[in-house]
């Protein structure tokens, strides 16, 4: 896991898999992006762990940005997407 108290995520995830993120108390949602204007938001359940699918369109070598907070308080971790070998 990488990150700090507000958000922790794995360094890599498999194409077509899922990503589980742990967030600190008081965080109610996370935002997930491959870059560009398309951002998905996921609610944070009581346990503080959010599992979501690797975004469709993500291929090996791409990076998914997972963020919490807004403005200057925003924290982001990057998860590299890896493909399975043939």
PDB file of N, CA and C in Angstrom:
ATOM      1  N   UNK A   1       0.839  -1.188   0.000  1.00  0.00           N
ATOM      2  CA  UNK A   1       0.000   0.000   0.000  1.00  0.00           C
ATOM      3  C   UNK A   1       0.879   1.244   0.000  1.00  0.00           C
ATOM      4  N   UNK A   2       0.402   2.254  -0.684  1.00  0.00           N
ATOM      5  CA  UNK A   2       1.101   3.532  -0.745  1.00  0.00           C
ATOM      6  C   UNK A   2       0.153   4.622  -0.256  1.00  0.00           C
ATOM      7  N   UNK A   3       0.687   5.757   0.110  1.00  0.00           N
ATOM      8  CA  UNK A   3      -0.126   6.877   0.534  1.00  0.00           C
ATOM      9  C   UNK A   3       0.100   7.195   2.001  1.00  0.00           C
ATOM     10  N   UNK A   4      -0.767   8.039   2.528  1.00  0.00           N
ATOM     11  CA  UNK A   4      -0.640   8.465   3.918  1.00  0.00           C
ATOM     12  C   UNK A   4      -1.963   8.299   4.648  1.00  0.00           C
ATOM     13  N   UNK A   5      -2.143   9.005   5.745  1.00  0.00           N
ATOM     14  CA  UNK A   5      -3.320   8.854   6.593  1.00  0.00           C
ATOM     15  C   UNK A   5      -4.654   9.088   5.925  1.00  0.00           C
ATOM     16  N   UNK A   6      -4.731  10.021   4.982  1.00  0.00           N
ATOM     17  CA  UNK A   6      -6.021  10.322   4.353  1.00  0.00           C
ATOM     18  C   UNK A   6      -6.431   9.308   3.297  1.00  0.00           C
ATOM     19  N   UNK A   7      -5.438   8.730   2.597  1.00  0.00           N
ATOM     20  CA  UNK A   7      -5.754   7.781   1.526  1.00  0.00           C
ATOM     21  C   UNK A   7      -4.579   6.823   1.322  1.00  0.00           C
ATOM     22  N   UNK A   8      -4.919   5.540   1.216  1.00  0.00           N
ATOM     23  CA  UNK A   8      -3.920   4.506   0.947  1.00  0.00           C
ATOM     24  C   UNK A   8      -4.458   3.600  -0.145  1.00  0.00           C
ATOM     25  N   UNK A   9      -3.578   3.247  -1.092  1.00  0.00           N
ATOM     26  CA  UNK A   9      -3.984   2.423  -2.226  1.00  0.00           C
ATOM     27  C   UNK A   9      -2.817   1.555  -2.662  1.00  0.00           C
ATOM     28  N   UNK A  10      -3.108   0.467  -3.369  1.00  0.00           N
ATOM     29  CA  UNK A  10      -2.011  -0.359  -3.890  1.00  0.00           C
ATOM     30  C   UNK A  10      -1.250   0.392  -4.981  1.00  0.00           C
ATOM     31  N   UNK A  11      -0.022  -0.007  -5.221  1.00  0.00           N
ATOM     32  CA  UNK A  11       0.787   0.628  -6.260  1.00  0.00           C
ATOM     33  C   UNK A  11       0.356   0.188  -7.655  1.00  0.00           C
ATOM     34  N   UNK A  12      -0.175  -1.035  -7.766  1.00  0.00           N
ATOM     35  CA  UNK A  12      -0.590  -1.558  -9.069  1.00  0.00           C
ATOM     36  C   UNK A  12      -1.937  -2.260  -8.956  1.00  0.00           C
ATOM     37  N   UNK A  13      -2.596  -2.416 -10.104  1.00  0.00           N
ATOM     38  CA  UNK A  13      -3.841  -3.183 -10.206  1.00  0.00           C
ATOM     39  C   UNK A  13      -3.886  -3.800 -11.596  1.00  0.00           C
ATOM     40  N   UNK A  14      -4.559  -4.933 -11.709  1.00  0.00           N
ATOM     41  CA  UNK A  14      -4.644  -5.643 -12.983  1.00  0.00           C
ATOM     42  C   UNK A  14      -5.750  -5.087 -13.868  1.00  0.00           C
ATOM     43  N   UNK A  15      -5.514  -5.097 -15.172  1.00  0.00           N
ATOM     44  CA  UNK A  15      -6.549  -4.741 -16.140  1.00  0.00           C
ATOM     45  C   UNK A  15      -7.768  -5.616 -15.866  1.00  0.00           C
ATOM     46  N   UNK A  16      -8.948  -5.024 -15.793  1.00  0.00           N
ATOM     47  CA  UNK A  16     -10.178  -5.780 -15.564  1.00  0.00           C
ATOM     48  C   UNK A  16     -10.399  -6.178 -14.120  1.00  0.00           C
ATOM     49  N   UNK A  17      -9.479  -5.808 -13.221  1.00  0.00           N
ATOM     50  CA  UNK A  17      -9.605  -6.179 -11.811  1.00  0.00           C
ATOM     51  C   UNK A  17     -10.292  -5.100 -10.990  1.00  0.00           C
ATOM     52  N   UNK A  18     -10.001  -5.123  -9.706  1.00  0.00           N
ATOM     53  CA  UNK A  18     -10.552  -4.129  -8.798  1.00  0.00           C
ATOM     54  C   UNK A  18      -9.426  -3.461  -8.022  1.00  0.00           C
ATOM     55  N   UNK A  19      -9.730  -2.300  -7.453  1.00  0.00           N
ATOM     56  CA  UNK A  19      -8.795  -1.564  -6.617  1.00  0.00           C
ATOM     57  C   UNK A  19      -9.487  -1.321  -5.283  1.00  0.00           C
ATOM     58  N   UNK A  20      -8.804  -1.628  -4.185  1.00  0.00           N
ATOM     59  CA  UNK A  20      -9.337  -1.346  -2.857  1.00  0.00           C
ATOM     60  C   UNK A  20      -8.517  -0.234  -2.237  1.00  0.00           C
ATOM     61  N   UNK A  21      -9.207   0.815  -1.809  1.00  0.00           N
ATOM     62  CA  UNK A  21      -8.595   1.997  -1.235  1.00  0.00           C
ATOM     63  C   UNK A  21      -9.068   2.144   0.211  1.00  0.00           C
ATOM     64  N   UNK A  22      -8.147   2.499   1.103  1.00  0.00           N
ATOM     65  CA  UNK A  22      -8.497   2.782   2.495  1.00  0.00           C
ATOM     66  C   UNK A  22      -8.385   4.281   2.705  1.00  0.00           C
ATOM     67  N   UNK A  23      -9.400   4.881   3.336  1.00  0.00           N
ATOM     68  CA  UNK A  23      -9.373   6.320   3.579  1.00  0.00           C
ATOM     69  C   UNK A  23      -9.536   6.603   5.069  1.00  0.00           C
ATOM     70  N   UNK A  24      -9.100   7.792   5.483  1.00  0.00           N
ATOM     71  CA  UNK A  24      -9.187   8.206   6.869  1.00  0.00           C
ATOM     72  C   UNK A  24     -10.613   8.561   7.269  1.00  0.00           C
ATOM     73  N   UNK A  25     -10.807   8.766   8.554  1.00  0.00           N
ATOM     74  CA  UNK A  25     -12.138   9.095   9.058  1.00  0.00           C
ATOM     75  C   UNK A  25     -12.585  10.452   8.532  1.00  0.00           C
ATOM     76  N   UNK A  26     -13.884  10.587   8.356  1.00  0.00           N
ATOM     77  CA  UNK A  26     -14.448  11.839   7.867  1.00  0.00           C
ATOM     78  C   UNK A  26     -14.495  11.964   6.361  1.00  0.00           C
ATOM     79  N   UNK A  27     -13.879  11.035   5.635  1.00  0.00           N
ATOM     80  CA  UNK A  27     -13.908  11.063   4.162  1.00  0.00           C
ATOM     81  C   UNK A  27     -15.191  10.363   3.719  1.00  0.00           C
ATOM     82  N   UNK A  28     -16.004  11.044   2.911  1.00  0.00           N
ATOM     83  CA  UNK A  28     -17.292  10.480   2.502  1.00  0.00           C
ATOM     84  C   UNK A  28     -17.313   9.949   1.074  1.00  0.00           C
ATOM     85  N   UNK A  29     -16.337  10.366   0.248  1.00  0.00           N
ATOM     86  CA  UNK A  29     -16.298   9.869  -1.130  1.00  0.00           C
ATOM     87  C   UNK A  29     -14.882   9.969  -1.683  1.00  0.00           C
ATOM     88  N   UNK A  30     -14.631   9.188  -2.730  1.00  0.00           N
ATOM     89  CA  UNK A  30     -13.368   9.264  -3.455  1.00  0.00           C
ATOM     90  C   UNK A  30     -13.683   9.584  -4.905  1.00  0.00           C
ATOM     91  N   UNK A  31     -12.696  10.127  -5.610  1.00  0.00           N
ATOM     92  CA  UNK A  31     -12.839  10.383  -7.035  1.00  0.00           C
ATOM     93  C   UNK A  31     -11.774   9.589  -7.782  1.00  0.00           C
ATOM     94  N   UNK A  32     -12.172   8.999  -8.901  1.00  0.00           N
ATOM     95  CA  UNK A  32     -11.289   8.145  -9.689  1.00  0.00           C
ATOM     96  C   UNK A  32     -11.239   8.674 -11.114  1.00  0.00           C
ATOM     97  N   UNK A  33     -10.017   8.785 -11.668  1.00  0.00           N
ATOM     98  CA  UNK A  33      -9.870   9.344 -13.007  1.00  0.00           C
ATOM     99  C   UNK A  33      -8.708   8.698 -13.752  1.00  0.00           C
ATOM    100  N   UNK A  34      -8.882   8.581 -15.064  1.00  0.00           N
ATOM    101  CA  UNK A  34      -7.792   8.171 -15.958  1.00  0.00           C
ATOM    102  C   UNK A  34      -7.140   9.398 -16.573  1.00  0.00           C
ATOM    103  N   UNK A  35      -7.533  10.565 -16.139  1.00  0.00           N
ATOM    104  CA  UNK A  35      -7.093  11.821 -16.745  1.00  0.00           C
ATOM    105  C   UNK A  35      -8.219  12.357 -17.606  1.00  0.00           C
ATOM    106  N   UNK A  36      -8.191  13.617 -17.892  1.00  0.00           N
ATOM    107  CA  UNK A  36      -9.258  14.205 -18.692  1.00  0.00           C
ATOM    108  C   UNK A  36     -10.474  14.528 -17.844  1.00  0.00           C
ATOM    109  N   UNK A  37     -11.575  14.853 -18.501  1.00  0.00           N
ATOM    110  CA  UNK A  37     -12.754  15.344 -17.782  1.00  0.00           C
ATOM    111  C   UNK A  37     -13.601  14.263 -17.110  1.00  0.00           C
ATOM    112  N   UNK A  38     -13.423  12.995 -17.478  1.00  0.00           N
ATOM    113  CA  UNK A  38     -14.255  11.928 -16.910  1.00  0.00           C
ATOM    114  C   UNK A  38     -13.756  11.525 -15.529  1.00  0.00           C
ATOM    115  N   UNK A  39     -14.538  11.848 -14.506  1.00  0.00           N
ATOM    116  CA  UNK A  39     -14.201  11.502 -13.126  1.00  0.00           C
ATOM    117  C   UNK A  39     -15.372  10.725 -12.545  1.00  0.00           C
ATOM    118  N   UNK A  40     -15.076   9.588 -11.928  1.00  0.00           N
ATOM    119  CA  UNK A  40     -16.101   8.796 -11.261  1.00  0.00           C
ATOM    120  C   UNK A  40     -15.986   9.029  -9.768  1.00  0.00           C
ATOM    121  N   UNK A  41     -17.125   9.100  -9.097  1.00  0.00           N
ATOM    122  CA  UNK A  41     -17.146   9.277  -7.651  1.00  0.00           C
ATOM    123  C   UNK A  41     -17.735   8.027  -7.015  1.00  0.00           C
ATOM    124  N   UNK A  42     -17.124   7.593  -5.905  1.00  0.00           N
ATOM    125  CA  UNK A  42     -17.604   6.423  -5.182  1.00  0.00           C
ATOM    126  C   UNK A  42     -17.785   6.795  -3.714  1.00  0.00           C
ATOM    127  N   UNK A  43     -18.919   6.412  -3.105  1.00  0.00           N
ATOM    128  CA  UNK A  43     -19.122   6.696  -1.685  1.00  0.00           C
ATOM    129  C   UNK A  43     -18.225   5.815  -0.823  1.00  0.00           C
ATOM    130  N   UNK A  44     -17.862   6.313   0.349  1.00  0.00           N
ATOM    131  CA  UNK A  44     -17.032   5.554   1.287  1.00  0.00           C
ATOM    132  C   UNK A  44     -17.948   4.942   2.345  1.00  0.00           C
ATOM    133  N   UNK A  45     -17.963   3.613   2.476  1.00  0.00           N
ATOM    134  CA  UNK A  45     -18.781   2.988   3.508  1.00  0.00           C
ATOM    135  C   UNK A  45     -18.170   3.192   4.894  1.00  0.00           C
ATOM    136  N   UNK A  46     -18.909   2.792   5.911  1.00  0.00           N
ATOM    137  CA  UNK A  46     -18.510   3.022   7.302  1.00  0.00           C
ATOM    138  C   UNK A  46     -17.120   2.486   7.636  1.00  0.00           C
ATOM    139  N   UNK A  47     -16.708   1.385   7.053  1.00  0.00           N
ATOM    140  CA  UNK A  47     -15.408   0.798   7.374  1.00  0.00           C
ATOM    141  C   UNK A  47     -14.217   1.555   6.814  1.00  0.00           C
ATOM    142  N   UNK A  48     -14.447   2.503   5.899  1.00  0.00           N
ATOM    143  CA  UNK A  48     -13.369   3.286   5.327  1.00  0.00           C
ATOM    144  C   UNK A  48     -12.636   2.614   4.185  1.00  0.00           C
ATOM    145  N   UNK A  49     -13.137   1.458   3.708  1.00  0.00           N
ATOM    146  CA  UNK A  49     -12.523   0.768   2.566  1.00  0.00           C
ATOM    147  C   UNK A  49     -13.477   0.799   1.390  1.00  0.00           C
ATOM    148  N   UNK A  50     -12.961   1.222   0.243  1.00  0.00           N
ATOM    149  CA  UNK A  50     -13.755   1.300  -0.981  1.00  0.00           C
ATOM    150  C   UNK A  50     -13.121   0.388  -2.017  1.00  0.00           C
ATOM    151  N   UNK A  51     -13.914  -0.508  -2.582  1.00  0.00           N
ATOM    152  CA  UNK A  51     -13.443  -1.358  -3.675  1.00  0.00           C
ATOM    153  C   UNK A  51     -14.226  -0.983  -4.925  1.00  0.00           C
ATOM    154  N   UNK A  52     -13.512  -0.709  -5.993  1.00  0.00           N
ATOM    155  CA  UNK A  52     -14.159  -0.307  -7.239  1.00  0.00           C
ATOM    156  C   UNK A  52     -13.431  -0.971  -8.403  1.00  0.00           C
ATOM    157  N   UNK A  53     -14.127  -1.130  -9.538  1.00  0.00           N
ATOM    158  CA  UNK A  53     -13.487  -1.763 -10.699  1.00  0.00           C
ATOM    159  C   UNK A  53     -12.465  -0.834 -11.337  1.00  0.00           C
ATOM    160  N   UNK A  54     -11.418  -1.433 -11.895  1.00  0.00           N
ATOM    161  CA  UNK A  54     -10.477  -0.654 -12.712  1.00  0.00           C
ATOM    162  C   UNK A  54     -11.310  -0.047 -13.838  1.00  0.00           C
ATOM    163  N   UNK A  55     -11.193   1.249 -14.075  1.00  0.00           N
ATOM    164  CA  UNK A  55     -12.035   1.897 -15.092  1.00  0.00           C
ATOM    165  C   UNK A  55     -11.941   1.212 -16.452  1.00  0.00           C
ATOM    166  N   UNK A  56     -13.085   1.125 -17.113  1.00  0.00           N
ATOM    167  CA  UNK A  56     -13.085   0.550 -18.457  1.00  0.00           C
ATOM    168  C   UNK A  56     -12.236   1.443 -19.357  1.00  0.00           C
ATOM    169  N   UNK A  57     -11.535   0.851 -20.241  1.00  0.00           N
ATOM    170  CA  UNK A  57     -10.646   1.609 -21.109  1.00  0.00           C
ATOM    171  C   UNK A  57      -9.224   1.677 -20.582  1.00  0.00           C
ATOM    172  N   UNK A  58      -9.019   1.272 -19.326  1.00  0.00           N
ATOM    173  CA  UNK A  58      -7.663   1.275 -18.758  1.00  0.00           C
ATOM    174  C   UNK A  58      -6.903   0.075 -19.305  1.00  0.00           C
ATOM    175  N   UNK A  59      -5.711   0.328 -19.823  1.00  0.00           N
ATOM    176  CA  UNK A  59      -4.867  -0.735 -20.344  1.00  0.00           C
ATOM    177  C   UNK A  59      -3.538  -0.716 -19.605  1.00  0.00           C
ATOM    178  N   UNK A  60      -2.764  -1.764 -19.788  1.00  0.00           N
ATOM    179  CA  UNK A  60      -1.477  -1.862 -19.126  1.00  0.00           C
ATOM    180  C   UNK A  60      -0.613  -0.633 -19.371  1.00  0.00           C
ATOM    181  N   UNK A  61      -0.016  -0.122 -18.315  1.00  0.00           N
ATOM    182  CA  UNK A  61       0.836   1.052 -18.413  1.00  0.00           C
ATOM    183  C   UNK A  61       0.129   2.356 -18.097  1.00  0.00           C
ATOM    184  N   UNK A  62      -1.194   2.347 -18.098  1.00  0.00           N
ATOM    185  CA  UNK A  62      -1.945   3.560 -17.748  1.00  0.00           C
ATOM    186  C   UNK A  62      -1.912   3.752 -16.237  1.00  0.00           C
ATOM    187  N   UNK A  63      -2.254   4.949 -15.804  1.00  0.00           N
ATOM    188  CA  UNK A  63      -2.273   5.276 -14.386  1.00  0.00           C
ATOM    189  C   UNK A  63      -3.657   5.788 -14.006  1.00  0.00           C
ATOM    190  N   UNK A  64      -4.196   5.256 -12.914  1.00  0.00           N
ATOM    191  CA  UNK A  64      -5.478   5.705 -12.369  1.00  0.00           C
ATOM    192  C   UNK A  64      -5.179   6.622 -11.186  1.00  0.00           C
ATOM    193  N   UNK A  65      -5.770   7.812 -11.191  1.00  0.00           N
ATOM    194  CA  UNK A  65      -5.622   8.748 -10.078  1.00  0.00           C
ATOM    195  C   UNK A  65      -6.815   8.583  -9.141  1.00  0.00           C
ATOM    196  N   UNK A  66      -6.533   8.358  -7.859  1.00  0.00           N
ATOM    197  CA  UNK A  66      -7.572   8.223  -6.842  1.00  0.00           C
ATOM    198  C   UNK A  66      -7.382   9.374  -5.857  1.00  0.00           C
ATOM    199  N   UNK A  67      -8.432  10.195  -5.676  1.00  0.00           N
ATOM    200  CA  UNK A  67      -8.303  11.412  -4.883  1.00  0.00           C
ATOM    201  C   UNK A  67      -9.372  11.525  -3.810  1.00  0.00           C
ATOM    202  N   UNK A  68      -9.019  12.240  -2.745  1.00  0.00           N
ATOM    203  CA  UNK A  68      -9.969  12.642  -1.705  1.00  0.00           C
ATOM    204  C   UNK A  68      -9.748  14.120  -1.422  1.00  0.00           C
ATOM    205  N   UNK A  69     -10.798  14.795  -0.981  1.00  0.00           N
ATOM    206  CA  UNK A  69     -10.680  16.208  -0.626  1.00  0.00           C
ATOM    207  C   UNK A  69     -10.811  17.119  -1.831  1.00  0.00           C
ATOM    208  N   UNK A  70     -10.817  18.405  -1.544  1.00  0.00           N
ATOM    209  CA  UNK A  70     -10.968  19.431  -2.576  1.00  0.00           C
ATOM    210  C   UNK A  70      -9.911  20.517  -2.384  1.00  0.00           C
ATOM    211  N   UNK A  71      -9.616  21.228  -3.454  1.00  0.00           N
ATOM    212  CA  UNK A  71      -8.721  22.370  -3.387  1.00  0.00           C
ATOM    213  C   UNK A  71      -7.355  22.028  -2.809  1.00  0.00           C
ATOM    214  N   UNK A  72      -6.874  22.873  -1.898  1.00  0.00           N
ATOM    215  CA  UNK A  72      -5.555  22.669  -1.299  1.00  0.00           C
ATOM    216  C   UNK A  72      -5.490  21.451  -0.394  1.00  0.00           C
ATOM    217  N   UNK A  73      -6.641  20.963   0.058  1.00  0.00           N
ATOM    218  CA  UNK A  73      -6.680  19.785   0.929  1.00  0.00           C
ATOM    219  C   UNK A  73      -6.755  18.481   0.136  1.00  0.00           C
ATOM    220  N   UNK A  74      -6.748  18.557  -1.184  1.00  0.00           N
ATOM    221  CA  UNK A  74      -6.867  17.359  -2.022  1.00  0.00           C
ATOM    222  C   UNK A  74      -5.609  16.506  -1.918  1.00  0.00           C
ATOM    223  N   UNK A  75      -5.805  15.201  -1.737  1.00  0.00           N
ATOM    224  CA  UNK A  75      -4.721  14.224  -1.715  1.00  0.00           C
ATOM    225  C   UNK A  75      -4.989  13.201  -2.805  1.00  0.00           C
ATOM    226  N   UNK A  76      -3.950  12.832  -3.545  1.00  0.00           N
ATOM    227  CA  UNK A  76      -4.093  11.909  -4.671  1.00  0.00           C
ATOM    228  C   UNK A  76      -3.019  10.837  -4.609  1.00  0.00           C
ATOM    229  N   UNK A  77      -3.410   9.601  -4.907  1.00  0.00           N
ATOM    230  CA  UNK A  77      -2.446   8.519  -5.091  1.00  0.00           C
ATOM    231  C   UNK A  77      -2.641   7.988  -6.513  1.00  0.00           C
ATOM    232  N   UNK A  78      -1.561   7.496  -7.095  1.00  0.00           N
ATOM    233  CA  UNK A  78      -1.585   6.966  -8.445  1.00  0.00           C
ATOM    234  C   UNK A  78      -1.413   5.455  -8.417  1.00  0.00           C
ATOM    235  N   UNK A  79      -2.274   4.758  -9.148  1.00  0.00           N
ATOM    236  CA  UNK A  79      -2.227   3.297  -9.230  1.00  0.00           C
ATOM    237  C   UNK A  79      -1.930   2.929 -10.675  1.00  0.00           C
ATOM    238  N   UNK A  80      -0.796   2.247 -10.895  1.00  0.00           N
ATOM    239  CA  UNK A  80      -0.448   1.821 -12.259  1.00  0.00           C
ATOM    240  C   UNK A  80      -1.230   0.573 -12.630  1.00  0.00           C
ATOM    241  N   UNK A  81      -1.766   0.556 -13.835  1.00  0.00           N
ATOM    242  CA  UNK A  81      -2.502  -0.593 -14.329  1.00  0.00           C
ATOM    243  C   UNK A  81      -1.536  -1.513 -15.068  1.00  0.00           C
ATOM    244  N   UNK A  82      -1.580  -2.775 -14.710  1.00  0.00           N
ATOM    245  CA  UNK A  82      -0.689  -3.756 -15.329  1.00  0.00           C
ATOM    246  C   UNK A  82      -1.543  -4.811 -16.049  1.00  0.00           C
ATOM    247  N   UNK A  83      -1.014  -5.302 -17.166  1.00  0.00           N
ATOM    248  CA  UNK A  83      -1.726  -6.341 -17.901  1.00  0.00           C
ATOM    249  C   UNK A  83      -1.110  -7.691 -17.582  1.00  0.00           C
ATOM    250  N   UNK A  84      -1.908  -8.721 -17.773  1.00  0.00           N
ATOM    251  CA  UNK A  84      -1.399 -10.057 -17.554  1.00  0.00           C
ATOM    252  C   UNK A  84      -0.577 -10.478 -18.756  1.00  0.00           C
ATOM    253  N   UNK A  85       0.427 -11.275 -18.528  1.00  0.00           N
ATOM    254  CA  UNK A  85       1.250 -11.723 -19.662  1.00  0.00           C
ATOM    255  C   UNK A  85       0.536 -12.840 -20.397  1.00  0.00           C
ATOM    256  N   UNK A  86       0.751 -12.921 -21.690  1.00  0.00           N
ATOM    257  CA  UNK A  86       0.043 -13.929 -22.509  1.00  0.00           C
ATOM    258  C   UNK A  86       0.425 -15.342 -22.176  1.00  0.00           C
TER     259      UNK A  86
END
